[in-house]
Amino acid sequence: MRQEAEWMVPSDNKILELIREYGNLTPTAIEDLGGPSAGHARNRCPVLAKYGLLERISRGLYGITAEGEAYLNEELDASELESVEESE
């Protein structure tokens, strides 16, 4: 079972799964592929990047990280992740 963090919302799993399956995506593409609305994905992708599960490739384009893969594979407890901003 995936170990979520308290800052996560249910749609975060779908966003991560879609980016893992299809590669780098924009929030609009996430919506087009059956994920949450583009507006919601636009708000969540930066949060997932802040905690290291996604990386911002360029403006509005996100890819999955090794940590994101490990989380999806139930090998990483997301509650142990620190904000990239806090750890710098």
N, C-alpha and C. Protein backbone atom coordinates (compact mmCIF):
# COMPACT_ATOMS: atom_id res chain seq x y z
N MET A 1 0.85 -1.19 0.00
CA MET A 1 0.00 0.00 0.00
C MET A 1 0.89 1.24 0.00
N ARG A 2 0.56 2.19 -0.85
CA ARG A 2 1.34 3.42 -0.93
C ARG A 2 1.21 4.23 0.35
N GLN A 3 2.33 4.75 0.79
CA GLN A 3 2.36 5.56 2.01
C GLN A 3 2.31 7.04 1.63
N GLU A 4 1.13 7.63 1.73
CA GLU A 4 0.95 9.03 1.38
C GLU A 4 1.38 9.95 2.51
N ALA A 5 1.63 11.19 2.15
CA ALA A 5 1.94 12.23 3.13
C ALA A 5 0.68 13.04 3.39
N GLU A 6 0.63 13.74 4.52
CA GLU A 6 -0.58 14.50 4.84
C GLU A 6 -0.82 15.66 3.89
N TRP A 7 0.23 16.12 3.18
CA TRP A 7 0.07 17.21 2.21
C TRP A 7 -0.50 16.72 0.87
N MET A 8 -0.61 15.41 0.71
CA MET A 8 -1.10 14.85 -0.56
C MET A 8 -2.62 14.82 -0.60
N VAL A 9 -3.16 14.84 -1.82
CA VAL A 9 -4.60 14.69 -2.04
C VAL A 9 -4.79 13.47 -2.94
N PRO A 10 -6.00 12.89 -2.97
CA PRO A 10 -6.22 11.66 -3.74
C PRO A 10 -5.82 11.74 -5.21
N SER A 11 -6.00 12.87 -5.84
CA SER A 11 -5.68 12.99 -7.27
C SER A 11 -4.17 12.96 -7.55
N ASP A 12 -3.34 13.15 -6.54
CA ASP A 12 -1.89 13.11 -6.75
C ASP A 12 -1.44 11.76 -7.31
N ASN A 13 -2.05 10.68 -6.84
CA ASN A 13 -1.70 9.35 -7.35
C ASN A 13 -1.98 9.24 -8.84
N LYS A 14 -3.13 9.73 -9.27
CA LYS A 14 -3.49 9.66 -10.69
C LYS A 14 -2.53 10.49 -11.53
N ILE A 15 -2.18 11.67 -11.06
CA ILE A 15 -1.23 12.53 -11.79
C ILE A 15 0.10 11.80 -11.95
N LEU A 16 0.61 11.24 -10.86
CA LEU A 16 1.89 10.52 -10.92
C LEU A 16 1.81 9.31 -11.84
N GLU A 17 0.72 8.56 -11.76
CA GLU A 17 0.55 7.38 -12.60
C GLU A 17 0.52 7.74 -14.08
N LEU A 18 -0.18 8.81 -14.43
CA LEU A 18 -0.27 9.23 -15.84
C LEU A 18 1.10 9.67 -16.36
N ILE A 19 1.83 10.43 -15.56
CA ILE A 19 3.15 10.89 -16.01
C ILE A 19 4.11 9.71 -16.13
N ARG A 20 4.00 8.75 -15.23
CA ARG A 20 4.85 7.55 -15.36
C ARG A 20 4.49 6.79 -16.64
N GLU A 21 3.21 6.66 -16.94
CA GLU A 21 2.77 5.89 -18.10
C GLU A 21 3.08 6.58 -19.43
N TYR A 22 2.85 7.89 -19.51
CA TYR A 22 2.94 8.60 -20.78
C TYR A 22 4.20 9.44 -20.94
N GLY A 23 4.97 9.62 -19.89
CA GLY A 23 6.16 10.48 -19.98
C GLY A 23 5.80 11.90 -19.57
N ASN A 24 6.66 12.83 -19.88
CA ASN A 24 6.48 14.22 -19.48
C ASN A 24 5.14 14.75 -19.99
N LEU A 25 4.39 15.40 -19.08
CA LEU A 25 3.05 15.89 -19.43
C LEU A 25 2.82 17.30 -18.90
N THR A 26 1.90 17.99 -19.56
CA THR A 26 1.39 19.27 -19.09
C THR A 26 0.09 19.02 -18.33
N PRO A 27 -0.35 19.97 -17.52
CA PRO A 27 -1.65 19.80 -16.85
C PRO A 27 -2.80 19.55 -17.82
N THR A 28 -2.78 20.18 -18.98
CA THR A 28 -3.84 19.96 -19.98
C THR A 28 -3.81 18.52 -20.48
N ALA A 29 -2.61 18.00 -20.74
CA ALA A 29 -2.49 16.61 -21.18
C ALA A 29 -2.95 15.65 -20.08
N ILE A 30 -2.67 15.97 -18.85
CA ILE A 30 -3.12 15.13 -17.73
C ILE A 30 -4.64 15.03 -17.74
N GLU A 31 -5.32 16.16 -17.93
CA GLU A 31 -6.78 16.15 -18.01
C GLU A 31 -7.24 15.35 -19.23
N ASP A 32 -6.61 15.57 -20.37
CA ASP A 32 -7.00 14.88 -21.60
C ASP A 32 -6.86 13.36 -21.49
N LEU A 33 -5.93 12.90 -20.66
CA LEU A 33 -5.69 11.46 -20.49
C LEU A 33 -6.51 10.85 -19.35
N GLY A 34 -7.47 11.60 -18.82
CA GLY A 34 -8.38 11.06 -17.83
C GLY A 34 -8.05 11.41 -16.39
N GLY A 35 -7.10 12.30 -16.21
CA GLY A 35 -6.75 12.74 -14.87
C GLY A 35 -7.65 13.86 -14.40
N PRO A 36 -7.24 14.50 -13.31
CA PRO A 36 -8.03 15.63 -12.80
C PRO A 36 -8.01 16.79 -13.79
N SER A 37 -8.86 17.78 -13.56
CA SER A 37 -8.94 18.93 -14.45
C SER A 37 -7.57 19.60 -14.59
N ALA A 38 -7.37 20.26 -15.71
CA ALA A 38 -6.09 20.94 -15.95
C ALA A 38 -5.81 21.97 -14.86
N GLY A 39 -6.85 22.66 -14.41
CA GLY A 39 -6.67 23.65 -13.35
C GLY A 39 -6.19 23.02 -12.05
N HIS A 40 -6.76 21.88 -11.72
CA HIS A 40 -6.35 21.18 -10.50
C HIS A 40 -4.93 20.64 -10.66
N ALA A 41 -4.64 20.02 -11.80
CA ALA A 41 -3.29 19.49 -12.05
C ALA A 41 -2.26 20.62 -12.05
N ARG A 42 -2.66 21.78 -12.56
CA ARG A 42 -1.76 22.94 -12.59
C ARG A 42 -1.39 23.37 -11.16
N ASN A 43 -2.29 23.17 -10.22
CA ASN A 43 -2.01 23.48 -8.82
C ASN A 43 -1.21 22.38 -8.12
N ARG A 44 -1.46 21.13 -8.48
CA ARG A 44 -0.84 20.00 -7.78
C ARG A 44 0.57 19.67 -8.29
N CYS A 45 0.83 19.82 -9.56
CA CYS A 45 2.16 19.46 -10.09
C CYS A 45 3.29 20.22 -9.40
N PRO A 46 3.17 21.54 -9.17
CA PRO A 46 4.24 22.22 -8.45
C PRO A 46 4.43 21.71 -7.02
N VAL A 47 3.35 21.28 -6.38
CA VAL A 47 3.46 20.72 -5.02
C VAL A 47 4.22 19.40 -5.08
N LEU A 48 3.88 18.56 -6.03
CA LEU A 48 4.57 17.27 -6.18
C LEU A 48 6.04 17.49 -6.54
N ALA A 49 6.32 18.52 -7.30
CA ALA A 49 7.71 18.86 -7.62
C ALA A 49 8.44 19.40 -6.39
N LYS A 50 7.73 20.16 -5.59
CA LYS A 50 8.33 20.73 -4.37
C LYS A 50 8.84 19.64 -3.44
N TYR A 51 8.15 18.51 -3.42
CA TYR A 51 8.54 17.39 -2.56
C TYR A 51 9.37 16.33 -3.30
N GLY A 52 9.70 16.59 -4.55
CA GLY A 52 10.62 15.71 -5.27
C GLY A 52 10.01 14.52 -5.98
N LEU A 53 8.67 14.44 -6.05
CA LEU A 53 8.05 13.32 -6.77
C LEU A 53 7.97 13.59 -8.27
N LEU A 54 7.91 14.85 -8.63
CA LEU A 54 7.96 15.28 -10.03
C LEU A 54 9.10 16.27 -10.19
N GLU A 55 9.51 16.46 -11.45
CA GLU A 55 10.46 17.53 -11.74
C GLU A 55 9.85 18.41 -12.81
N ARG A 56 10.11 19.70 -12.69
CA ARG A 56 9.63 20.65 -13.68
C ARG A 56 10.64 20.66 -14.83
N ILE A 57 10.22 20.19 -16.00
CA ILE A 57 11.09 20.11 -17.17
C ILE A 57 11.23 21.50 -17.79
N SER A 58 10.10 22.15 -17.98
CA SER A 58 10.05 23.53 -18.45
C SER A 58 8.71 24.08 -18.00
N ARG A 59 8.44 25.31 -18.33
CA ARG A 59 7.20 25.93 -17.86
C ARG A 59 5.99 25.09 -18.25
N GLY A 60 5.29 24.57 -17.22
CA GLY A 60 4.08 23.80 -17.46
C GLY A 60 4.29 22.36 -17.88
N LEU A 61 5.52 21.86 -17.88
CA LEU A 61 5.80 20.49 -18.30
C LEU A 61 6.51 19.76 -17.18
N TYR A 62 5.96 18.61 -16.79
CA TYR A 62 6.48 17.87 -15.64
C TYR A 62 6.81 16.43 -16.01
N GLY A 63 7.85 15.91 -15.35
CA GLY A 63 8.24 14.52 -15.50
C GLY A 63 8.38 13.87 -14.14
N ILE A 64 8.33 12.56 -14.11
CA ILE A 64 8.44 11.84 -12.83
C ILE A 64 9.91 11.67 -12.45
N THR A 65 10.18 11.67 -11.16
CA THR A 65 11.54 11.49 -10.65
C THR A 65 11.71 10.05 -10.15
N ALA A 66 12.93 9.71 -9.77
CA ALA A 66 13.19 8.39 -9.18
C ALA A 66 12.38 8.23 -7.90
N GLU A 67 12.24 9.32 -7.13
CA GLU A 67 11.44 9.27 -5.91
C GLU A 67 9.97 9.03 -6.23
N GLY A 68 9.48 9.67 -7.29
CA GLY A 68 8.10 9.45 -7.72
C GLY A 68 7.86 8.01 -8.12
N GLU A 69 8.81 7.44 -8.86
CA GLU A 69 8.72 6.02 -9.24
C GLU A 69 8.71 5.14 -8.00
N ALA A 70 9.61 5.41 -7.06
CA ALA A 70 9.70 4.61 -5.84
C ALA A 70 8.40 4.68 -5.04
N TYR A 71 7.81 5.88 -4.97
CA TYR A 71 6.53 6.04 -4.28
C TYR A 71 5.45 5.18 -4.94
N LEU A 72 5.34 5.27 -6.27
CA LEU A 72 4.33 4.50 -6.98
C LEU A 72 4.55 3.00 -6.83
N ASN A 73 5.81 2.58 -6.71
CA ASN A 73 6.14 1.17 -6.54
C ASN A 73 6.07 0.72 -5.09
N GLU A 74 5.56 1.58 -4.21
CA GLU A 74 5.41 1.31 -2.78
C GLU A 74 6.74 1.07 -2.08
N GLU A 75 7.80 1.71 -2.60
CA GLU A 75 9.14 1.58 -2.03
C GLU A 75 9.55 2.83 -1.25
N LEU A 76 8.70 3.84 -1.22
CA LEU A 76 9.02 5.11 -0.58
C LEU A 76 7.81 5.61 0.19
N ASP A 77 8.03 6.02 1.42
CA ASP A 77 6.98 6.61 2.25
C ASP A 77 7.00 8.12 2.00
N ALA A 78 5.98 8.64 1.33
CA ALA A 78 5.95 10.06 0.98
C ALA A 78 5.95 10.96 2.21
N SER A 79 5.50 10.46 3.35
CA SER A 79 5.48 11.30 4.55
C SER A 79 6.89 11.61 5.04
N GLU A 80 7.89 10.88 4.56
CA GLU A 80 9.27 11.14 4.95
C GLU A 80 9.96 12.18 4.07
N LEU A 81 9.29 12.57 2.99
CA LEU A 81 9.87 13.57 2.09
C LEU A 81 9.82 14.95 2.70
N GLU A 82 10.86 15.73 2.47
CA GLU A 82 10.89 17.12 2.90
C GLU A 82 10.77 18.01 1.68
N SER A 83 10.20 19.16 1.88
CA SER A 83 10.11 20.14 0.81
C SER A 83 11.51 20.48 0.34
N VAL A 84 11.71 20.54 -0.96
CA VAL A 84 13.01 20.88 -1.53
C VAL A 84 13.47 22.22 -0.98
N GLU A 85 12.53 23.16 -0.83
CA GLU A 85 12.83 24.49 -0.33
C GLU A 85 13.34 24.43 1.12
N GLU A 86 12.75 23.52 1.93
CA GLU A 86 13.14 23.41 3.33
C GLU A 86 14.50 22.75 3.49
N SER A 87 14.86 21.84 2.58
CA SER A 87 16.09 21.09 2.74
C SER A 87 17.30 21.81 2.16
N GLU A 88 17.08 22.89 1.46
CA GLU A 88 18.21 23.63 0.87
C GLU A 88 18.83 24.56 1.87
